[in-house]
Amino acid sequence: MISRVSITPEASEVIVQLKAKFGELMFHQSGGCCDGSQPMCFEKGDFIIGNSDVCLGEIDGCEFWMNKDQFEYWKYTHLTIHVTKGRGSSFSLEIPMGLRFLTQSRLFTEDELCNLNSLRYLED
């Protein structure tokens, strides 16, 4: 099965550091209002997931969620979570480290579209 979301080695190193400090983590792709459109990292359970969210999969053992409406725009897109220097304007856990996660995207190939992993909803 093809994953809908993956992570770069550099971002994975940051997650290891954050897990050591905070424990279990989760991600939610911000929808673009106050926080821009960036992946936000929280302690698991600190961001309330609702019936309007969908889980695209996991990166380094962290669930990666997105609003269903936003997913409709991105459903044909593979997301890669990367990290870069600079302070984002969010409550994401990496911000005090002088870093911010960012999402890089590409369209799935036709073969990939036929073999995508299943989405998970809150009620699953």
PDB file of N, CA and C in Angstrom:
ATOM      1  N   MET A   1       0.827  -1.187   0.000  1.00  0.00           N
ATOM      2  CA  MET A   1       0.000   0.000   0.000  1.00  0.00           C
ATOM      3  C   MET A   1       0.878   1.260   0.000  1.00  0.00           C
ATOM      4  N   ILE A   2       0.394   2.253  -0.673  1.00  0.00           N
ATOM      5  CA  ILE A   2       1.102   3.526  -0.779  1.00  0.00           C
ATOM      6  C   ILE A   2       0.638   4.464   0.339  1.00  0.00           C
ATOM      7  N   SER A   3       1.599   5.047   1.016  1.00  0.00           N
ATOM      8  CA  SER A   3       1.316   5.992   2.094  1.00  0.00           C
ATOM      9  C   SER A   3       0.910   7.344   1.513  1.00  0.00           C
ATOM     10  N   ARG A   4       0.011   8.026   2.183  1.00  0.00           N
ATOM     11  CA  ARG A   4      -0.394   9.376   1.776  1.00  0.00           C
ATOM     12  C   ARG A   4       0.524  10.445   2.340  1.00  0.00           C
ATOM     13  N   VAL A   5       1.286  10.094   3.374  1.00  0.00           N
ATOM     14  CA  VAL A   5       2.160  11.070   4.031  1.00  0.00           C
ATOM     15  C   VAL A   5       3.448  10.370   4.451  1.00  0.00           C
ATOM     16  N   SER A   6       4.565  11.075   4.283  1.00  0.00           N
ATOM     17  CA  SER A   6       5.861  10.548   4.699  1.00  0.00           C
ATOM     18  C   SER A   6       6.665  11.673   5.338  1.00  0.00           C
ATOM     19  N   ILE A   7       7.872  11.361   5.763  1.00  0.00           N
ATOM     20  CA  ILE A   7       8.680  12.334   6.502  1.00  0.00           C
ATOM     21  C   ILE A   7      10.130  12.235   6.048  1.00  0.00           C
ATOM     22  N   THR A   8      10.807  13.361   6.013  1.00  0.00           N
ATOM     23  CA  THR A   8      12.225  13.370   5.657  1.00  0.00           C
ATOM     24  C   THR A   8      13.058  12.950   6.867  1.00  0.00           C
ATOM     25  N   PRO A   9      14.273  12.483   6.629  1.00  0.00           N
ATOM     26  CA  PRO A   9      15.144  12.119   7.763  1.00  0.00           C
ATOM     27  C   PRO A   9      15.390  13.287   8.719  1.00  0.00           C
ATOM     28  N   GLU A  10      15.521  14.493   8.185  1.00  0.00           N
ATOM     29  CA  GLU A  10      15.757  15.669   9.043  1.00  0.00           C
ATOM     30  C   GLU A  10      14.568  15.926   9.964  1.00  0.00           C
ATOM     31  N   ALA A  11      13.370  15.824   9.426  1.00  0.00           N
ATOM     32  CA  ALA A  11      12.171  16.019  10.245  1.00  0.00           C
ATOM     33  C   ALA A  11      12.026  14.885  11.256  1.00  0.00           C
ATOM     34  N   SER A  12      12.399  13.687  10.859  1.00  0.00           N
ATOM     35  CA  SER A  12      12.336  12.536  11.759  1.00  0.00           C
ATOM     36  C   SER A  12      13.241  12.751  12.978  1.00  0.00           C
ATOM     37  N   GLU A  13      14.398  13.333  12.771  1.00  0.00           N
ATOM     38  CA  GLU A  13      15.313  13.623  13.889  1.00  0.00           C
ATOM     39  C   GLU A  13      14.672  14.594  14.881  1.00  0.00           C
ATOM     40  N   VAL A  14      13.944  15.569  14.377  1.00  0.00           N
ATOM     41  CA  VAL A  14      13.267  16.530  15.257  1.00  0.00           C
ATOM     42  C   VAL A  14      12.171  15.823  16.046  1.00  0.00           C
ATOM     43  N   ILE A  15      11.444  14.922  15.405  1.00  0.00           N
ATOM     44  CA  ILE A  15      10.396  14.177  16.109  1.00  0.00           C
ATOM     45  C   ILE A  15      10.991  13.347  17.239  1.00  0.00           C
ATOM     46  N   VAL A  16      12.139  12.736  17.016  1.00  0.00           N
ATOM     47  CA  VAL A  16      12.800  11.968  18.079  1.00  0.00           C
ATOM     48  C   VAL A  16      13.065  12.871  19.283  1.00  0.00           C
ATOM     49  N   GLN A  17      13.562  14.076  19.040  1.00  0.00           N
ATOM     50  CA  GLN A  17      13.840  15.020  20.129  1.00  0.00           C
ATOM     51  C   GLN A  17      12.550  15.445  20.839  1.00  0.00           C
ATOM     52  N   LEU A  18      11.517  15.712  20.055  1.00  0.00           N
ATOM     53  CA  LEU A  18      10.246  16.135  20.655  1.00  0.00           C
ATOM     54  C   LEU A  18       9.598  15.013  21.454  1.00  0.00           C
ATOM     55  N   LYS A  19       9.679  13.783  20.959  1.00  0.00           N
ATOM     56  CA  LYS A  19       9.118  12.650  21.708  1.00  0.00           C
ATOM     57  C   LYS A  19       9.854  12.457  23.033  1.00  0.00           C
ATOM     58  N   ALA A  20      11.165  12.665  23.027  1.00  0.00           N
ATOM     59  CA  ALA A  20      11.938  12.518  24.259  1.00  0.00           C
ATOM     60  C   ALA A  20      11.491  13.540  25.306  1.00  0.00           C
ATOM     61  N   LYS A  21      11.077  14.701  24.850  1.00  0.00           N
ATOM     62  CA  LYS A  21      10.662  15.760  25.768  1.00  0.00           C
ATOM     63  C   LYS A  21       9.180  15.684  26.136  1.00  0.00           C
ATOM     64  N   PHE A  22       8.322  15.349  25.161  1.00  0.00           N
ATOM     65  CA  PHE A  22       6.871  15.453  25.370  1.00  0.00           C
ATOM     66  C   PHE A  22       6.118  14.121  25.372  1.00  0.00           C
ATOM     67  N   GLY A  23       6.744  13.040  24.940  1.00  0.00           N
ATOM     68  CA  GLY A  23       6.036  11.760  24.841  1.00  0.00           C
ATOM     69  C   GLY A  23       5.349  11.613  23.490  1.00  0.00           C
ATOM     70  N   GLU A  24       4.198  10.945  23.490  1.00  0.00           N
ATOM     71  CA  GLU A  24       3.488  10.698  22.233  1.00  0.00           C
ATOM     72  C   GLU A  24       3.056  12.008  21.577  1.00  0.00           C
ATOM     73  N   LEU A  25       3.162  12.033  20.256  1.00  0.00           N
ATOM     74  CA  LEU A  25       2.842  13.225  19.488  1.00  0.00           C
ATOM     75  C   LEU A  25       1.787  12.925  18.429  1.00  0.00           C
ATOM     76  N   MET A  26       1.233  13.996  17.877  1.00  0.00           N
ATOM     77  CA  MET A  26       0.296  13.893  16.758  1.00  0.00           C
ATOM     78  C   MET A  26       0.508  15.120  15.872  1.00  0.00           C
ATOM     79  N   PHE A  27       0.071  15.027  14.628  1.00  0.00           N
ATOM     80  CA  PHE A  27       0.131  16.153  13.696  1.00  0.00           C
ATOM     81  C   PHE A  27      -1.263  16.473  13.189  1.00  0.00           C
ATOM     82  N   HIS A  28      -1.471  17.756  12.917  1.00  0.00           N
ATOM     83  CA  HIS A  28      -2.678  18.194  12.223  1.00  0.00           C
ATOM     84  C   HIS A  28      -2.240  19.220  11.189  1.00  0.00           C
ATOM     85  N   GLN A  29      -2.635  19.003   9.949  1.00  0.00           N
ATOM     86  CA  GLN A  29      -2.298  19.941   8.882  1.00  0.00           C
ATOM     87  C   GLN A  29      -3.182  21.161   9.011  1.00  0.00           C
ATOM     88  N   SER A  30      -2.561  22.295   9.289  1.00  0.00           N
ATOM     89  CA  SER A  30      -3.310  23.536   9.448  1.00  0.00           C
ATOM     90  C   SER A  30      -3.978  23.905   8.129  1.00  0.00           C
ATOM     91  N   GLY A  31      -5.154  24.494   8.247  1.00  0.00           N
ATOM     92  CA  GLY A  31      -5.944  24.819   7.074  1.00  0.00           C
ATOM     93  C   GLY A  31      -5.636  26.146   6.424  1.00  0.00           C
ATOM     94  N   GLY A  32      -4.723  26.930   6.948  1.00  0.00           N
ATOM     95  CA  GLY A  32      -4.313  28.127   6.259  1.00  0.00           C
ATOM     96  C   GLY A  32      -4.835  29.434   6.810  1.00  0.00           C
ATOM     97  N   CYS A  33      -5.560  29.435   7.899  1.00  0.00           N
ATOM     98  CA  CYS A  33      -6.071  30.701   8.449  1.00  0.00           C
ATOM     99  C   CYS A  33      -4.951  31.411   9.193  1.00  0.00           C
ATOM    100  N   CYS A  34      -4.949  31.357  10.491  1.00  0.00           N
ATOM    101  CA  CYS A  34      -3.961  32.078  11.299  1.00  0.00           C
ATOM    102  C   CYS A  34      -2.565  31.476  11.192  1.00  0.00           C
ATOM    103  N   ASP A  35      -2.476  30.187  10.995  1.00  0.00           N
ATOM    104  CA  ASP A  35      -1.188  29.502  11.017  1.00  0.00           C
ATOM    105  C   ASP A  35      -0.612  29.268   9.634  1.00  0.00           C
ATOM    106  N   GLY A  36      -1.186  29.837   8.602  1.00  0.00           N
ATOM    107  CA  GLY A  36      -0.747  29.479   7.269  1.00  0.00           C
ATOM    108  C   GLY A  36      -1.222  28.073   6.971  1.00  0.00           C
ATOM    109  N   SER A  37      -0.542  27.406   6.109  1.00  0.00           N
ATOM    110  CA  SER A  37      -0.885  26.022   5.801  1.00  0.00           C
ATOM    111  C   SER A  37       0.332  25.174   6.123  1.00  0.00           C
ATOM    112  N   GLN A  38       0.479  24.833   7.387  1.00  0.00           N
ATOM    113  CA  GLN A  38       1.645  24.070   7.811  1.00  0.00           C
ATOM    114  C   GLN A  38       1.218  22.924   8.711  1.00  0.00           C
ATOM    115  N   PRO A  39       2.045  21.878   8.732  1.00  0.00           N
ATOM    116  CA  PRO A  39       1.746  20.791   9.663  1.00  0.00           C
ATOM    117  C   PRO A  39       2.098  21.235  11.076  1.00  0.00           C
ATOM    118  N   MET A  40       1.197  20.962  11.991  1.00  0.00           N
ATOM    119  CA  MET A  40       1.415  21.370  13.367  1.00  0.00           C
ATOM    120  C   MET A  40       1.547  20.135  14.250  1.00  0.00           C
ATOM    121  N   CYS A  41       2.562  20.139  15.090  1.00  0.00           N
ATOM    122  CA  CYS A  41       2.874  19.016  15.970  1.00  0.00           C
ATOM    123  C   CYS A  41       2.422  19.354  17.389  1.00  0.00           C
ATOM    124  N   PHE A  42       1.679  18.424  17.972  1.00  0.00           N
ATOM    125  CA  PHE A  42       1.149  18.604  19.325  1.00  0.00           C
ATOM    126  C   PHE A  42       1.427  17.355  20.157  1.00  0.00           C
ATOM    127  N   GLU A  43       1.392  17.514  21.474  1.00  0.00           N
ATOM    128  CA  GLU A  43       1.356  16.332  22.319  1.00  0.00           C
ATOM    129  C   GLU A  43       0.056  15.609  21.982  1.00  0.00           C
ATOM    130  N   LYS A  44       0.110  14.295  21.914  1.00  0.00           N
ATOM    131  CA  LYS A  44      -1.086  13.546  21.543  1.00  0.00           C
ATOM    132  C   LYS A  44      -2.224  13.895  22.493  1.00  0.00           C
ATOM    133  N   GLY A  45      -3.352  14.291  21.918  1.00  0.00           N
ATOM    134  CA  GLY A  45      -4.521  14.654  22.700  1.00  0.00           C
ATOM    135  C   GLY A  45      -4.659  16.141  22.967  1.00  0.00           C
ATOM    136  N   ASP A  46      -3.598  16.920  22.707  1.00  0.00           N
ATOM    137  CA  ASP A  46      -3.684  18.369  22.942  1.00  0.00           C
ATOM    138  C   ASP A  46      -4.475  19.086  21.854  1.00  0.00           C
ATOM    139  N   PHE A  47      -4.579  18.512  20.698  1.00  0.00           N
ATOM    140  CA  PHE A  47      -5.417  19.068  19.637  1.00  0.00           C
ATOM    141  C   PHE A  47      -6.634  18.164  19.530  1.00  0.00           C
ATOM    142  N   ILE A  48      -7.797  18.711  19.682  1.00  0.00           N
ATOM    143  CA  ILE A  48      -9.019  17.904  19.690  1.00  0.00           C
ATOM    144  C   ILE A  48      -9.431  17.573  18.255  1.00  0.00           C
ATOM    145  N   ILE A  49      -9.422  16.292  17.962  1.00  0.00           N
ATOM    146  CA  ILE A  49      -9.844  15.792  16.653  1.00  0.00           C
ATOM    147  C   ILE A  49     -11.355  15.624  16.687  1.00  0.00           C
ATOM    148  N   GLY A  50     -11.994  16.014  15.610  1.00  0.00           N
ATOM    149  CA  GLY A  50     -13.446  15.902  15.550  1.00  0.00           C
ATOM    150  C   GLY A  50     -13.913  15.108  14.349  1.00  0.00           C
ATOM    151  N   ASN A  51     -15.221  15.021  14.189  1.00  0.00           N
ATOM    152  CA  ASN A  51     -15.803  14.276  13.072  1.00  0.00           C
ATOM    153  C   ASN A  51     -15.499  14.909  11.723  1.00  0.00           C
ATOM    154  N   SER A  52     -14.984  16.132  11.722  1.00  0.00           N
ATOM    155  CA  SER A  52     -14.646  16.785  10.460  1.00  0.00           C
ATOM    156  C   SER A  52     -13.186  16.556  10.070  1.00  0.00           C
ATOM    157  N   ASP A  53     -12.486  15.667  10.797  1.00  0.00           N
ATOM    158  CA  ASP A  53     -11.085  15.378  10.507  1.00  0.00           C
ATOM    159  C   ASP A  53     -10.907  13.955   9.998  1.00  0.00           C
ATOM    160  N   VAL A  54      -9.826  13.759   9.243  1.00  0.00           N
ATOM    161  CA  VAL A  54      -9.492  12.454   8.699  1.00  0.00           C
ATOM    162  C   VAL A  54      -8.006  12.202   8.953  1.00  0.00           C
ATOM    163  N   CYS A  55      -7.677  10.953   9.300  1.00  0.00           N
ATOM    164  CA  CYS A  55      -6.287  10.575   9.541  1.00  0.00           C
ATOM    165  C   CYS A  55      -5.713  10.010   8.242  1.00  0.00           C
ATOM    166  N   LEU A  56      -4.671  10.652   7.719  1.00  0.00           N
ATOM    167  CA  LEU A  56      -4.049  10.220   6.476  1.00  0.00           C
ATOM    168  C   LEU A  56      -3.087   9.060   6.680  1.00  0.00           C
ATOM    169  N   GLY A  57      -2.638   8.864   7.900  1.00  0.00           N
ATOM    170  CA  GLY A  57      -1.670   7.816   8.206  1.00  0.00           C
ATOM    171  C   GLY A  57      -0.817   8.237   9.383  1.00  0.00           C
ATOM    172  N   GLU A  58       0.364   7.641   9.464  1.00  0.00           N
ATOM    173  CA  GLU A  58       1.294   7.959  10.549  1.00  0.00           C
ATOM    174  C   GLU A  58       2.667   8.278   9.984  1.00  0.00           C
ATOM    175  N   ILE A  59       3.362   9.174  10.667  1.00  0.00           N
ATOM    176  CA  ILE A  59       4.771   9.439  10.391  1.00  0.00           C
ATOM    177  C   ILE A  59       5.521   9.255  11.699  1.00  0.00           C
ATOM    178  N   ASP A  60       6.493   8.382  11.691  1.00  0.00           N
ATOM    179  CA  ASP A  60       7.272   8.081  12.898  1.00  0.00           C
ATOM    180  C   ASP A  60       6.389   7.778  14.100  1.00  0.00           C
ATOM    181  N   GLY A  61       5.305   7.057  13.880  1.00  0.00           N
ATOM    182  CA  GLY A  61       4.412   6.672  14.966  1.00  0.00           C
ATOM    183  C   GLY A  61       3.467   7.760  15.424  1.00  0.00           C
ATOM    184  N   CYS A  62       3.412   8.862  14.699  1.00  0.00           N
ATOM    185  CA  CYS A  62       2.527   9.989  15.039  1.00  0.00           C
ATOM    186  C   CYS A  62       1.395  10.058  14.030  1.00  0.00           C
ATOM    187  N   GLU A  63       0.156  10.041  14.506  1.00  0.00           N
ATOM    188  CA  GLU A  63      -0.982  10.182  13.597  1.00  0.00           C
ATOM    189  C   GLU A  63      -0.909  11.536  12.901  1.00  0.00           C
ATOM    190  N   PHE A  64      -1.321  11.551  11.622  1.00  0.00           N
ATOM    191  CA  PHE A  64      -1.315  12.786  10.837  1.00  0.00           C
ATOM    192  C   PHE A  64      -2.731  13.056  10.357  1.00  0.00           C
ATOM    193  N   TRP A  65      -3.348  14.117  10.892  1.00  0.00           N
ATOM    194  CA  TRP A  65      -4.749  14.444  10.647  1.00  0.00           C
ATOM    195  C   TRP A  65      -4.892  15.684   9.775  1.00  0.00           C
ATOM    196  N   MET A  66      -6.027  15.770   9.121  1.00  0.00           N
ATOM    197  CA  MET A  66      -6.367  16.920   8.287  1.00  0.00           C
ATOM    198  C   MET A  66      -7.880  17.056   8.262  1.00  0.00           C
ATOM    199  N   ASN A  67      -8.369  18.267   8.127  1.00  0.00           N
ATOM    200  CA  ASN A  67      -9.802  18.500   7.994  1.00  0.00           C
ATOM    201  C   ASN A  67     -10.305  17.863   6.692  1.00  0.00           C
ATOM    202  N   LYS A  68     -11.491  17.234   6.740  1.00  0.00           N
ATOM    203  CA  LYS A  68     -12.057  16.562   5.562  1.00  0.00           C
ATOM    204  C   LYS A  68     -12.211  17.504   4.373  1.00  0.00           C
ATOM    205  N   ASP A  69     -12.649  18.730   4.620  1.00  0.00           N
ATOM    206  CA  ASP A  69     -12.815  19.686   3.523  1.00  0.00           C
ATOM    207  C   ASP A  69     -11.486  20.004   2.853  1.00  0.00           C
ATOM    208  N   GLN A  70     -10.456  20.182   3.653  1.00  0.00           N
ATOM    209  CA  GLN A  70      -9.130  20.443   3.097  1.00  0.00           C
ATOM    210  C   GLN A  70      -8.622  19.214   2.343  1.00  0.00           C
ATOM    211  N   PHE A  71      -8.899  18.026   2.889  1.00  0.00           N
ATOM    212  CA  PHE A  71      -8.470  16.796   2.232  1.00  0.00           C
ATOM    213  C   PHE A  71      -9.055  16.683   0.822  1.00  0.00           C
ATOM    214  N   GLU A  72     -10.255  17.179   0.610  1.00  0.00           N
ATOM    215  CA  GLU A  72     -10.862  17.123  -0.725  1.00  0.00           C
ATOM    216  C   GLU A  72      -9.972  17.804  -1.764  1.00  0.00           C
ATOM    217  N   TYR A  73      -9.246  18.838  -1.372  1.00  0.00           N
ATOM    218  CA  TYR A  73      -8.330  19.518  -2.285  1.00  0.00           C
ATOM    219  C   TYR A  73      -7.020  18.757  -2.451  1.00  0.00           C
ATOM    220  N   TRP A  74      -6.635  17.986  -1.438  1.00  0.00           N
ATOM    221  CA  TRP A  74      -5.318  17.345  -1.416  1.00  0.00           C
ATOM    222  C   TRP A  74      -5.383  15.830  -1.613  1.00  0.00           C
ATOM    223  N   LYS A  75      -6.537  15.274  -1.921  1.00  0.00           N
ATOM    224  CA  LYS A  75      -6.686  13.811  -1.931  1.00  0.00           C
ATOM    225  C   LYS A  75      -5.870  13.111  -3.020  1.00  0.00           C
ATOM    226  N   TYR A  76      -5.423  13.833  -4.019  1.00  0.00           N
ATOM    227  CA  TYR A  76      -4.608  13.229  -5.072  1.00  0.00           C
ATOM    228  C   TYR A  76      -3.125  13.564  -4.895  1.00  0.00           C
ATOM    229  N   THR A  77      -2.779  13.983  -3.691  1.00  0.00           N
ATOM    230  CA  THR A  77      -1.442  14.506  -3.420  1.00  0.00           C
ATOM    231  C   THR A  77      -0.751  13.732  -2.302  1.00  0.00           C
ATOM    232  N   HIS A  78       0.507  13.364  -2.547  1.00  0.00           N
ATOM    233  CA  HIS A  78       1.336  12.780  -1.496  1.00  0.00           C
ATOM    234  C   HIS A  78       1.995  13.927  -0.736  1.00  0.00           C
ATOM    235  N   LEU A  79       1.982  13.853   0.585  1.00  0.00           N
ATOM    236  CA  LEU A  79       2.567  14.891   1.428  1.00  0.00           C
ATOM    237  C   LEU A  79       3.857  14.378   2.059  1.00  0.00           C
ATOM    238  N   THR A  80       4.902  15.176   1.995  1.00  0.00           N
ATOM    239  CA  THR A  80       6.155  14.867   2.676  1.00  0.00           C
ATOM    240  C   THR A  80       6.402  15.965   3.700  1.00  0.00           C
ATOM    241  N   ILE A  81       6.572  15.561   4.945  1.00  0.00           N
ATOM    242  CA  ILE A  81       6.803  16.511   6.025  1.00  0.00           C
ATOM    243  C   ILE A  81       8.306  16.717   6.178  1.00  0.00           C
ATOM    244  N   HIS A  82       8.694  17.965   6.086  1.00  0.00           N
ATOM    245  CA  HIS A  82      10.092  18.364   6.160  1.00  0.00           C
ATOM    246  C   HIS A  82      10.228  19.371   7.307  1.00  0.00           C
ATOM    247  N   VAL A  83      11.435  19.751   7.627  1.00  0.00           N
ATOM    248  CA  VAL A  83      11.674  20.762   8.655  1.00  0.00           C
ATOM    249  C   VAL A  83      12.679  21.771   8.100  1.00  0.00           C
ATOM    250  N   THR A  84      12.521  23.011   8.508  1.00  0.00           N
ATOM    251  CA  THR A  84      13.432  24.056   8.068  1.00  0.00           C
ATOM    252  C   THR A  84      13.703  25.005   9.228  1.00  0.00           C
ATOM    253  N   LYS A  85      14.795  25.725   9.131  1.00  0.00           N
ATOM    254  CA  LYS A  85      15.097  26.733  10.159  1.00  0.00           C
ATOM    255  C   LYS A  85      14.145  27.899  10.001  1.00  0.00           C
ATOM    256  N   GLY A  86      13.819  28.517  11.117  1.00  0.00           N
ATOM    257  CA  GLY A  86      12.928  29.668  11.102  1.00  0.00           C
ATOM    258  C   GLY A  86      11.757  29.438  12.038  1.00  0.00           C
ATOM    259  N   ARG A  87      11.224  30.498  12.513  1.00  0.00           N
ATOM    260  CA  ARG A  87      10.102  30.411  13.455  1.00  0.00           C
ATOM    261  C   ARG A  87       8.797  30.547  12.704  1.00  0.00           C
ATOM    262  N   GLY A  88       7.981  29.554  12.803  1.00  0.00           N
ATOM    263  CA  GLY A  88       6.632  29.655  12.284  1.00  0.00           C
ATOM    264  C   GLY A  88       5.774  30.423  13.271  1.00  0.00           C
ATOM    265  N   SER A  89       4.598  30.780  12.863  1.00  0.00           N
ATOM    266  CA  SER A  89       3.705  31.523  13.768  1.00  0.00           C
ATOM    267  C   SER A  89       2.588  30.597  14.228  1.00  0.00           C
ATOM    268  N   SER A  90       2.950  29.613  15.032  1.00  0.00           N
ATOM    269  CA  SER A  90       1.951  28.648  15.470  1.00  0.00           C
ATOM    270  C   SER A  90       2.277  28.146  16.867  1.00  0.00           C
ATOM    271  N   PHE A  91       1.450  27.223  17.328  1.00  0.00           N
ATOM    272  CA  PHE A  91       1.653  26.598  18.635  1.00  0.00           C
ATOM    273  C   PHE A  91       2.325  25.239  18.497  1.00  0.00           C
ATOM    274  N   SER A  92       2.876  24.951  17.336  1.00  0.00           N
ATOM    275  CA  SER A  92       3.519  23.670  17.083  1.00  0.00           C
ATOM    276  C   SER A  92       4.757  23.515  17.972  1.00  0.00           C
ATOM    277  N   LEU A  93       5.018  22.301  18.445  1.00  0.00           N
ATOM    278  CA  LEU A  93       6.049  22.054  19.452  1.00  0.00           C
ATOM    279  C   LEU A  93       7.479  22.353  19.008  1.00  0.00           C
ATOM    280  N   GLU A  94       7.757  22.354  17.714  1.00  0.00           N
ATOM    281  CA  GLU A  94       9.123  22.584  17.239  1.00  0.00           C
ATOM    282  C   GLU A  94       9.500  24.069  17.211  1.00  0.00           C
ATOM    283  N   ILE A  95       8.531  24.962  17.315  1.00  0.00           N
ATOM    284  CA  ILE A  95       8.764  26.397  17.170  1.00  0.00           C
ATOM    285  C   ILE A  95       9.833  26.923  18.146  1.00  0.00           C
ATOM    286  N   PRO A  96       9.809  26.555  19.445  1.00  0.00           N
ATOM    287  CA  PRO A  96      10.844  27.053  20.359  1.00  0.00           C
ATOM    288  C   PRO A  96      12.265  26.581  20.001  1.00  0.00           C
ATOM    289  N   MET A  97      12.385  25.567  19.154  1.00  0.00           N
ATOM    290  CA  MET A  97      13.689  25.070  18.718  1.00  0.00           C
ATOM    291  C   MET A  97      14.255  25.920  17.577  1.00  0.00           C
ATOM    292  N   GLY A  98      13.498  26.920  17.129  1.00  0.00           N
ATOM    293  CA  GLY A  98      13.939  27.731  15.997  1.00  0.00           C
ATOM    294  C   GLY A  98      13.725  27.024  14.669  1.00  0.00           C
ATOM    295  N   LEU A  99      12.789  26.075  14.666  1.00  0.00           N
ATOM    296  CA  LEU A  99      12.487  25.272  13.478  1.00  0.00           C
ATOM    297  C   LEU A  99      10.995  25.317  13.205  1.00  0.00           C
ATOM    298  N   ARG A 100      10.626  24.905  12.006  1.00  0.00           N
ATOM    299  CA  ARG A 100       9.210  24.723  11.704  1.00  0.00           C
ATOM    300  C   ARG A 100       9.058  23.604  10.690  1.00  0.00           C
ATOM    301  N   PHE A 101       8.030  22.805  10.908  1.00  0.00           N
ATOM    302  CA  PHE A 101       7.709  21.760   9.937  1.00  0.00           C
ATOM    303  C   PHE A 101       7.041  22.411   8.740  1.00  0.00           C
ATOM    304  N   LEU A 102       7.220  21.818   7.582  1.00  0.00           N
ATOM    305  CA  LEU A 102       6.525  22.281   6.390  1.00  0.00           C
ATOM    306  C   LEU A 102       6.126  21.082   5.558  1.00  0.00           C
ATOM    307  N   THR A 103       5.117  21.287   4.734  1.00  0.00           N
ATOM    308  CA  THR A 103       4.589  20.229   3.890  1.00  0.00           C
ATOM    309  C   THR A 103       5.015  20.459   2.453  1.00  0.00           C
ATOM    310  N   GLN A 104       5.654  19.449   1.875  1.00  0.00           N
ATOM    311  CA  GLN A 104       5.966  19.453   0.450  1.00  0.00           C
ATOM    312  C   GLN A 104       5.020  18.450  -0.189  1.00  0.00           C
ATOM    313  N   SER A 105       4.521  18.769  -1.370  1.00  0.00           N
ATOM    314  CA  SER A 105       3.535  17.874  -1.978  1.00  0.00           C
ATOM    315  C   SER A 105       3.863  17.582  -3.429  1.00  0.00           C
ATOM    316  N   ARG A 106       3.332  16.465  -3.878  1.00  0.00           N
ATOM    317  CA  ARG A 106       3.414  16.073  -5.283  1.00  0.00           C
ATOM    318  C   ARG A 106       2.176  15.267  -5.604  1.00  0.00           C
ATOM    319  N   LEU A 107       1.769  15.266  -6.856  1.00  0.00           N
ATOM    320  CA  LEU A 107       0.619  14.461  -7.262  1.00  0.00           C
ATOM    321  C   LEU A 107       0.999  12.984  -7.282  1.00  0.00           C
ATOM    322  N   PHE A 108       0.054  12.141  -6.887  1.00  0.00           N
ATOM    323  CA  PHE A 108       0.263  10.699  -6.998  1.00  0.00           C
ATOM    324  C   PHE A 108       0.288  10.306  -8.470  1.00  0.00           C
ATOM    325  N   THR A 109       1.033   9.253  -8.772  1.00  0.00           N
ATOM    326  CA  THR A 109       0.968   8.672 -10.111  1.00  0.00           C
ATOM    327  C   THR A 109      -0.321   7.858 -10.201  1.00  0.00           C
ATOM    328  N   GLU A 110      -0.715   7.486 -11.390  1.00  0.00           N
ATOM    329  CA  GLU A 110      -1.931   6.669 -11.542  1.00  0.00           C
ATOM    330  C   GLU A 110      -1.784   5.333 -10.835  1.00  0.00           C
ATOM    331  N   ASP A 111      -0.592   4.715 -10.912  1.00  0.00           N
ATOM    332  CA  ASP A 111      -0.366   3.450 -10.208  1.00  0.00           C
ATOM    333  C   ASP A 111      -0.498   3.622  -8.704  1.00  0.00           C
ATOM    334  N   GLU A 112       0.041   4.709  -8.171  1.00  0.00           N
ATOM    335  CA  GLU A 112      -0.059   4.966  -6.735  1.00  0.00           C
ATOM    336  C   GLU A 112      -1.513   5.155  -6.313  1.00  0.00           C
ATOM    337  N   LEU A 113      -2.287   5.872  -7.112  1.00  0.00           N
ATOM    338  CA  LEU A 113      -3.692   6.109  -6.772  1.00  0.00           C
ATOM    339  C   LEU A 113      -4.468   4.809  -6.601  1.00  0.00           C
ATOM    340  N   CYS A 114      -4.089   3.781  -7.337  1.00  0.00           N
ATOM    341  CA  CYS A 114      -4.774   2.488  -7.254  1.00  0.00           C
ATOM    342  C   CYS A 114      -4.377   1.701  -6.013  1.00  0.00           C
ATOM    343  N   ASN A 115      -3.325   2.130  -5.332  1.00  0.00           N
ATOM    344  CA  ASN A 115      -2.802   1.362  -4.201  1.00  0.00           C
ATOM    345  C   ASN A 115      -2.630   2.181  -2.924  1.00  0.00           C
ATOM    346  N   LEU A 116      -3.455   3.209  -2.754  1.00  0.00           N
ATOM    347  CA  LEU A 116      -3.341   4.062  -1.574  1.00  0.00           C
ATOM    348  C   LEU A 116      -3.819   3.362  -0.308  1.00  0.00           C
ATOM    349  N   ASN A 117      -3.180   3.710   0.811  1.00  0.00           N
ATOM    350  CA  ASN A 117      -3.649   3.185   2.093  1.00  0.00           C
ATOM    351  C   ASN A 117      -5.009   3.791   2.428  1.00  0.00           C
ATOM    352  N   SER A 118      -5.726   3.151   3.303  1.00  0.00           N
ATOM    353  CA  SER A 118      -7.060   3.607   3.698  1.00  0.00           C
ATOM    354  C   SER A 118      -6.972   4.803   4.618  1.00  0.00           C
ATOM    355  N   LEU A 119      -7.974   5.642   4.535  1.00  0.00           N
ATOM    356  CA  LEU A 119      -8.101   6.755   5.475  1.00  0.00           C
ATOM    357  C   LEU A 119      -8.764   6.253   6.745  1.00  0.00           C
ATOM    358  N   ARG A 120      -8.547   6.966   7.832  1.00  0.00           N
ATOM    359  CA  ARG A 120      -9.213   6.615   9.076  1.00  0.00           C
ATOM    360  C   ARG A 120      -9.958   7.834   9.587  1.00  0.00           C
ATOM    361  N   TYR A 121     -11.158   7.626  10.053  1.00  0.00           N
ATOM    362  CA  TYR A 121     -11.965   8.691  10.606  1.00  0.00           C
ATOM    363  C   TYR A 121     -12.076   8.485  12.112  1.00  0.00           C
ATOM    364  N   LEU A 122     -12.477   9.497  12.803  1.00  0.00           N
ATOM    365  CA  LEU A 122     -12.542   9.469  14.263  1.00  0.00           C
ATOM    366  C   LEU A 122     -13.357   8.284  14.768  1.00  0.00           C
ATOM    367  N   GLU A 123     -14.441   7.965  14.091  1.00  0.00           N
ATOM    368  CA  GLU A 123     -15.311   6.888  14.570  1.00  0.00           C
ATOM    369  C   GLU A 123     -14.751   5.503  14.308  1.00  0.00           C
ATOM    370  N   ASP A 124     -13.618   5.386  13.572  1.00  0.00           N
ATOM    371  CA  ASP A 124     -13.022   4.064  13.271  1.00  0.00           C
ATOM    372  C   ASP A 124     -12.322   3.477  14.478  1.00  0.00           C
TER     373      ASP A 124
END
